[in-house]
């Protein structure tokens, strides 16, 4: 039941921006970039607040905080590379670090593929903390970046594949382009 509600929330987070995008009128020609729409910032940093919902096993949802940096390149900023760090408040606490590649089919919509590492102490499920264990992480996701005066707001949904487990990461990033 929690998985279904998590997927429903994730769908709403992405469907809302898509509906707004289709309702928007065409933006005027931008003299600075020579293209339609607003100028993109080549650098973007953001703080993330959301949740990680396990899709297998305990199927629990855990509070998650994170940060990321993206560098867009090319004349239209259609591609980007970046890095991320997250902490999942689980027992034991999990730390995720990785590098990502981005594709921007529009100025605001992005899709991501990433690789990284998950770090945690000991085993899961109440085991005593022992040594730090590292596992490979594979991540896929999408988000829609709303540009507001002075900052951006990005609802996003990510799928993490780690330790033969799948998790849905969903929430909102608040960032700044420069």
C-alpha atoms as a PDB file:
ATOM      1  CA  UNK A   1       0.000   0.000   0.000  1.00  0.00           C
ATOM      2  CA  UNK A   2       2.811   2.430   0.860  1.00  0.00           C
ATOM      3  CA  UNK A   3       4.504   1.646  -2.472  1.00  0.00           C
ATOM      4  CA  UNK A   4       1.323   2.467  -4.378  1.00  0.00           C
ATOM      5  CA  UNK A   5       0.849   5.754  -2.533  1.00  0.00           C
ATOM      6  CA  UNK A   6       4.536   6.649  -3.043  1.00  0.00           C
ATOM      7  CA  UNK A   7       4.256   6.021  -6.778  1.00  0.00           C
ATOM      8  CA  UNK A   8       1.029   8.070  -6.885  1.00  0.00           C
ATOM      9  CA  UNK A   9       2.712  11.020  -5.137  1.00  0.00           C
ATOM     10  CA  UNK A  10       5.681  10.748  -7.523  1.00  0.00           C
ATOM     11  CA  UNK A  11       3.351  10.734 -10.547  1.00  0.00           C
ATOM     12  CA  UNK A  12       1.568  13.864  -9.297  1.00  0.00           C
ATOM     13  CA  UNK A  13       4.908  15.629  -8.736  1.00  0.00           C
ATOM     14  CA  UNK A  14       5.827  15.095 -12.394  1.00  0.00           C
ATOM     15  CA  UNK A  15       2.348  15.340 -13.965  1.00  0.00           C
ATOM     16  CA  UNK A  16       1.644  18.771 -12.456  1.00  0.00           C
ATOM     17  CA  UNK A  17       4.616  20.473 -14.118  1.00  0.00           C
ATOM     18  CA  UNK A  18       3.853  18.743 -17.424  1.00  0.00           C
ATOM     19  CA  UNK A  19       0.304  20.135 -17.344  1.00  0.00           C
ATOM     20  CA  UNK A  20       1.630  23.629 -16.608  1.00  0.00           C
ATOM     21  CA  UNK A  21       4.132  23.320 -19.445  1.00  0.00           C
ATOM     22  CA  UNK A  22       1.437  22.433 -21.968  1.00  0.00           C
ATOM     23  CA  UNK A  23      -0.725  25.332 -20.758  1.00  0.00           C
ATOM     24  CA  UNK A  24       2.035  27.938 -21.114  1.00  0.00           C
ATOM     25  CA  UNK A  25       1.999  30.295 -24.059  1.00  0.00           C
ATOM     26  CA  UNK A  26       5.032  30.497 -26.322  1.00  0.00           C
ATOM     27  CA  UNK A  27       7.738  32.657 -24.737  1.00  0.00           C
ATOM     28  CA  UNK A  28       9.205  35.643 -26.566  1.00  0.00           C
ATOM     29  CA  UNK A  29      12.488  35.512 -28.459  1.00  0.00           C
ATOM     30  CA  UNK A  30      15.490  35.949 -26.110  1.00  0.00           C
ATOM     31  CA  UNK A  31      18.011  38.479 -27.486  1.00  0.00           C
ATOM     32  CA  UNK A  32      20.805  37.207 -25.188  1.00  0.00           C
ATOM     33  CA  UNK A  33      20.699  33.569 -26.317  1.00  0.00           C
ATOM     34  CA  UNK A  34      19.092  33.953 -29.756  1.00  0.00           C
ATOM     35  CA  UNK A  35      16.514  31.328 -28.859  1.00  0.00           C
ATOM     36  CA  UNK A  36      12.995  30.962 -27.561  1.00  0.00           C
ATOM     37  CA  UNK A  37      12.386  31.108 -23.802  1.00  0.00           C
ATOM     38  CA  UNK A  38      14.496  32.158 -20.859  1.00  0.00           C
ATOM     39  CA  UNK A  39      18.278  31.959 -20.630  1.00  0.00           C
ATOM     40  CA  UNK A  40      19.563  28.900 -18.758  1.00  0.00           C
ATOM     41  CA  UNK A  41      22.232  29.133 -16.068  1.00  0.00           C
ATOM     42  CA  UNK A  42      25.242  26.889 -16.809  1.00  0.00           C
ATOM     43  CA  UNK A  43      25.734  26.104 -13.092  1.00  0.00           C
ATOM     44  CA  UNK A  44      23.074  25.046 -10.602  1.00  0.00           C
ATOM     45  CA  UNK A  45      23.300  24.020  -6.929  1.00  0.00           C
ATOM     46  CA  UNK A  46      20.365  22.702  -4.938  1.00  0.00           C
ATOM     47  CA  UNK A  47      19.292  21.270  -1.602  1.00  0.00           C
ATOM     48  CA  UNK A  48      16.895  18.303  -1.638  1.00  0.00           C
ATOM     49  CA  UNK A  49      14.223  17.344   0.895  1.00  0.00           C
ATOM     50  CA  UNK A  50      12.079  14.281   0.361  1.00  0.00           C
ATOM     51  CA  UNK A  51      11.711  10.601   1.077  1.00  0.00           C
ATOM     52  CA  UNK A  52      13.085   7.253  -0.025  1.00  0.00           C
ATOM     53  CA  UNK A  53      10.507   4.472  -0.332  1.00  0.00           C
ATOM     54  CA  UNK A  54      11.778   0.895  -0.444  1.00  0.00           C
ATOM     55  CA  UNK A  55      10.017  -1.035  -3.198  1.00  0.00           C
ATOM     56  CA  UNK A  56      11.070  -4.466  -1.860  1.00  0.00           C
ATOM     57  CA  UNK A  57      11.674  -5.957   1.554  1.00  0.00           C
ATOM     58  CA  UNK A  58      10.308  -3.817   4.392  1.00  0.00           C
ATOM     59  CA  UNK A  59       8.677  -1.345   1.964  1.00  0.00           C
ATOM     60  CA  UNK A  60       9.259   1.443   4.471  1.00  0.00           C
ATOM     61  CA  UNK A  61       9.646   5.127   3.638  1.00  0.00           C
ATOM     62  CA  UNK A  62      12.523   7.133   5.135  1.00  0.00           C
ATOM     63  CA  UNK A  63      13.161  10.884   5.392  1.00  0.00           C
ATOM     64  CA  UNK A  64      15.923  11.969   2.974  1.00  0.00           C
ATOM     65  CA  UNK A  65      18.081  15.109   2.637  1.00  0.00           C
ATOM     66  CA  UNK A  66      20.602  15.875  -0.068  1.00  0.00           C
ATOM     67  CA  UNK A  67      22.477  18.333  -2.225  1.00  0.00           C
ATOM     68  CA  UNK A  68      23.539  18.406  -5.864  1.00  0.00           C
ATOM     69  CA  UNK A  69      25.495  20.411  -8.404  1.00  0.00           C
ATOM     70  CA  UNK A  70      24.894  20.408 -12.183  1.00  0.00           C
ATOM     71  CA  UNK A  71      26.978  21.990 -14.935  1.00  0.00           C
ATOM     72  CA  UNK A  72      25.056  22.402 -18.207  1.00  0.00           C
ATOM     73  CA  UNK A  73      26.955  22.746 -21.460  1.00  0.00           C
ATOM     74  CA  UNK A  74      26.426  23.272 -25.161  1.00  0.00           C
ATOM     75  CA  UNK A  75      24.876  26.311 -26.815  1.00  0.00           C
ATOM     76  CA  UNK A  76      21.384  25.345 -25.641  1.00  0.00           C
ATOM     77  CA  UNK A  77      22.381  23.697 -22.351  1.00  0.00           C
ATOM     78  CA  UNK A  78      20.800  20.444 -23.484  1.00  0.00           C
ATOM     79  CA  UNK A  79      23.340  18.256 -21.644  1.00  0.00           C
ATOM     80  CA  UNK A  80      24.826  18.380 -18.176  1.00  0.00           C
ATOM     81  CA  UNK A  81      27.042  16.563 -15.689  1.00  0.00           C
ATOM     82  CA  UNK A  82      26.980  16.781 -11.941  1.00  0.00           C
ATOM     83  CA  UNK A  83      27.326  15.186  -8.569  1.00  0.00           C
ATOM     84  CA  UNK A  84      25.080  14.475  -5.606  1.00  0.00           C
ATOM     85  CA  UNK A  85      25.219  13.572  -1.922  1.00  0.00           C
ATOM     86  CA  UNK A  86      22.282  12.323   0.141  1.00  0.00           C
ATOM     87  CA  UNK A  87      21.575  10.989   3.589  1.00  0.00           C
ATOM     88  CA  UNK A  88      18.708   8.560   4.189  1.00  0.00           C
ATOM     89  CA  UNK A  89      17.569   8.510   7.814  1.00  0.00           C
ATOM     90  CA  UNK A  90      17.247   4.751   8.122  1.00  0.00           C
ATOM     91  CA  UNK A  91      18.498   2.305  10.739  1.00  0.00           C
ATOM     92  CA  UNK A  92      21.440   2.419  10.074  1.00  0.00           C
ATOM     93  CA  UNK A  93      21.774   5.825   8.391  1.00  0.00           C
ATOM     94  CA  UNK A  94      22.752   5.514   4.725  1.00  0.00           C
ATOM     95  CA  UNK A  95      24.932   7.963   2.787  1.00  0.00           C
ATOM     96  CA  UNK A  96      24.829   8.154  -1.018  1.00  0.00           C
ATOM     97  CA  UNK A  97      27.408   9.847  -3.249  1.00  0.00           C
ATOM     98  CA  UNK A  98      27.505   9.834  -7.032  1.00  0.00           C
ATOM     99  CA  UNK A  99      28.029  11.411 -10.422  1.00  0.00           C
ATOM    100  CA  UNK A 100      25.235  11.971 -12.924  1.00  0.00           C
ATOM    101  CA  UNK A 101      24.656  12.735 -16.574  1.00  0.00           C
ATOM    102  CA  UNK A 102      21.666  14.881 -17.540  1.00  0.00           C
ATOM    103  CA  UNK A 103      19.644  15.412 -20.700  1.00  0.00           C
ATOM    104  CA  UNK A 104      17.286  18.412 -20.988  1.00  0.00           C
ATOM    105  CA  UNK A 105      14.616  17.805 -23.673  1.00  0.00           C
ATOM    106  CA  UNK A 106      13.249  21.265 -22.717  1.00  0.00           C
ATOM    107  CA  UNK A 107      14.802  24.112 -20.739  1.00  0.00           C
ATOM    108  CA  UNK A 108      13.129  22.901 -17.525  1.00  0.00           C
ATOM    109  CA  UNK A 109      12.526  19.145 -17.893  1.00  0.00           C
ATOM    110  CA  UNK A 110      15.507  16.867 -17.231  1.00  0.00           C
ATOM    111  CA  UNK A 111      16.217  13.154 -17.153  1.00  0.00           C
ATOM    112  CA  UNK A 112      19.162  11.665 -15.301  1.00  0.00           C
ATOM    113  CA  UNK A 113      21.316   8.540 -15.279  1.00  0.00           C
ATOM    114  CA  UNK A 114      23.837   8.216 -12.446  1.00  0.00           C
ATOM    115  CA  UNK A 115      26.279   5.891 -10.775  1.00  0.00           C
ATOM    116  CA  UNK A 116      27.564   6.090  -7.252  1.00  0.00           C
ATOM    117  CA  UNK A 117      28.125   4.443  -3.919  1.00  0.00           C
ATOM    118  CA  UNK A 118      25.974   3.820  -0.853  1.00  0.00           C
ATOM    119  CA  UNK A 119      27.757   3.760   2.511  1.00  0.00           C
ATOM    120  CA  UNK A 120      26.324   2.402   5.764  1.00  0.00           C
ATOM    121  CA  UNK A 121      27.605   0.847   8.961  1.00  0.00           C
ATOM    122  CA  UNK A 122      27.009  -2.835   9.705  1.00  0.00           C
ATOM    123  CA  UNK A 123      23.915  -4.680   8.620  1.00  0.00           C
ATOM    124  CA  UNK A 124      20.334  -3.563   8.337  1.00  0.00           C
ATOM    125  CA  UNK A 125      17.505  -4.472  10.684  1.00  0.00           C
ATOM    126  CA  UNK A 126      18.936  -3.688  14.107  1.00  0.00           C
ATOM    127  CA  UNK A 127      22.385  -5.250  13.738  1.00  0.00           C
ATOM    128  CA  UNK A 128      25.080  -3.612  15.841  1.00  0.00           C
ATOM    129  CA  UNK A 129      27.080  -1.031  13.846  1.00  0.00           C
ATOM    130  CA  UNK A 130      30.394  -2.523  12.792  1.00  0.00           C
ATOM    131  CA  UNK A 131      32.518  -1.478   9.870  1.00  0.00           C
ATOM    132  CA  UNK A 132      31.384   0.745   7.015  1.00  0.00           C
ATOM    133  CA  UNK A 133      30.024  -1.162   4.031  1.00  0.00           C
ATOM    134  CA  UNK A 134      29.960   0.243   0.477  1.00  0.00           C
ATOM    135  CA  UNK A 135      27.596  -0.832  -2.297  1.00  0.00           C
ATOM    136  CA  UNK A 136      27.354   0.252  -5.944  1.00  0.00           C
ATOM    137  CA  UNK A 137      24.377   2.485  -6.747  1.00  0.00           C
ATOM    138  CA  UNK A 138      22.653   2.949 -10.109  1.00  0.00           C
ATOM    139  CA  UNK A 139      20.121   5.796 -10.402  1.00  0.00           C
ATOM    140  CA  UNK A 140      17.612   6.933 -13.033  1.00  0.00           C
ATOM    141  CA  UNK A 141      15.234   9.852 -12.675  1.00  0.00           C
ATOM    142  CA  UNK A 142      13.454  12.942 -13.913  1.00  0.00           C
ATOM    143  CA  UNK A 143      12.475  16.369 -12.667  1.00  0.00           C
ATOM    144  CA  UNK A 144      10.975  19.650 -13.775  1.00  0.00           C
ATOM    145  CA  UNK A 145      12.777  22.851 -12.762  1.00  0.00           C
ATOM    146  CA  UNK A 146      10.527  25.874 -12.131  1.00  0.00           C
ATOM    147  CA  UNK A 147      12.518  29.128 -12.342  1.00  0.00           C
ATOM    148  CA  UNK A 148      11.228  31.597  -9.770  1.00  0.00           C
ATOM    149  CA  UNK A 149      12.682  35.045  -8.953  1.00  0.00           C
ATOM    150  CA  UNK A 150      16.079  34.330  -7.395  1.00  0.00           C
ATOM    151  CA  UNK A 151      15.781  30.533  -7.080  1.00  0.00           C
ATOM    152  CA  UNK A 152      14.395  27.343  -8.612  1.00  0.00           C
ATOM    153  CA  UNK A 153      11.943  24.746  -7.332  1.00  0.00           C
ATOM    154  CA  UNK A 154      12.222  21.224  -8.769  1.00  0.00           C
ATOM    155  CA  UNK A 155       9.835  18.349  -8.021  1.00  0.00           C
ATOM    156  CA  UNK A 156      11.668  15.118  -8.874  1.00  0.00           C
ATOM    157  CA  UNK A 157      11.394  11.339  -8.869  1.00  0.00           C
ATOM    158  CA  UNK A 158      14.380   8.968  -8.911  1.00  0.00           C
ATOM    159  CA  UNK A 159      14.758   5.191  -8.982  1.00  0.00           C
ATOM    160  CA  UNK A 160      17.746   3.797  -7.069  1.00  0.00           C
ATOM    161  CA  UNK A 161      19.051   0.272  -7.701  1.00  0.00           C
ATOM    162  CA  UNK A 162      21.411  -0.824  -4.913  1.00  0.00           C
ATOM    163  CA  UNK A 163      22.154  -4.112  -3.107  1.00  0.00           C
ATOM    164  CA  UNK A 164      19.536  -6.042  -5.112  1.00  0.00           C
ATOM    165  CA  UNK A 165      16.968  -3.524  -3.857  1.00  0.00           C
ATOM    166  CA  UNK A 166      14.938  -0.858  -5.588  1.00  0.00           C
ATOM    167  CA  UNK A 167      13.955   2.416  -3.958  1.00  0.00           C
ATOM    168  CA  UNK A 168      11.873   5.333  -5.138  1.00  0.00           C
ATOM    169  CA  UNK A 169      13.311   8.712  -4.113  1.00  0.00           C
ATOM    170  CA  UNK A 170      10.871  11.590  -4.377  1.00  0.00           C
ATOM    171  CA  UNK A 171      10.684  15.153  -3.181  1.00  0.00           C
ATOM    172  CA  UNK A 172      11.593  18.726  -4.011  1.00  0.00           C
ATOM    173  CA  UNK A 173      14.902  20.511  -4.624  1.00  0.00           C
ATOM    174  CA  UNK A 174      15.351  24.204  -3.945  1.00  0.00           C
ATOM    175  CA  UNK A 175      18.259  25.639  -5.886  1.00  0.00           C
ATOM    176  CA  UNK A 176      20.069  28.562  -7.411  1.00  0.00           C
ATOM    177  CA  UNK A 177      21.443  28.947 -10.927  1.00  0.00           C
ATOM    178  CA  UNK A 178      24.515  31.033 -11.645  1.00  0.00           C
END
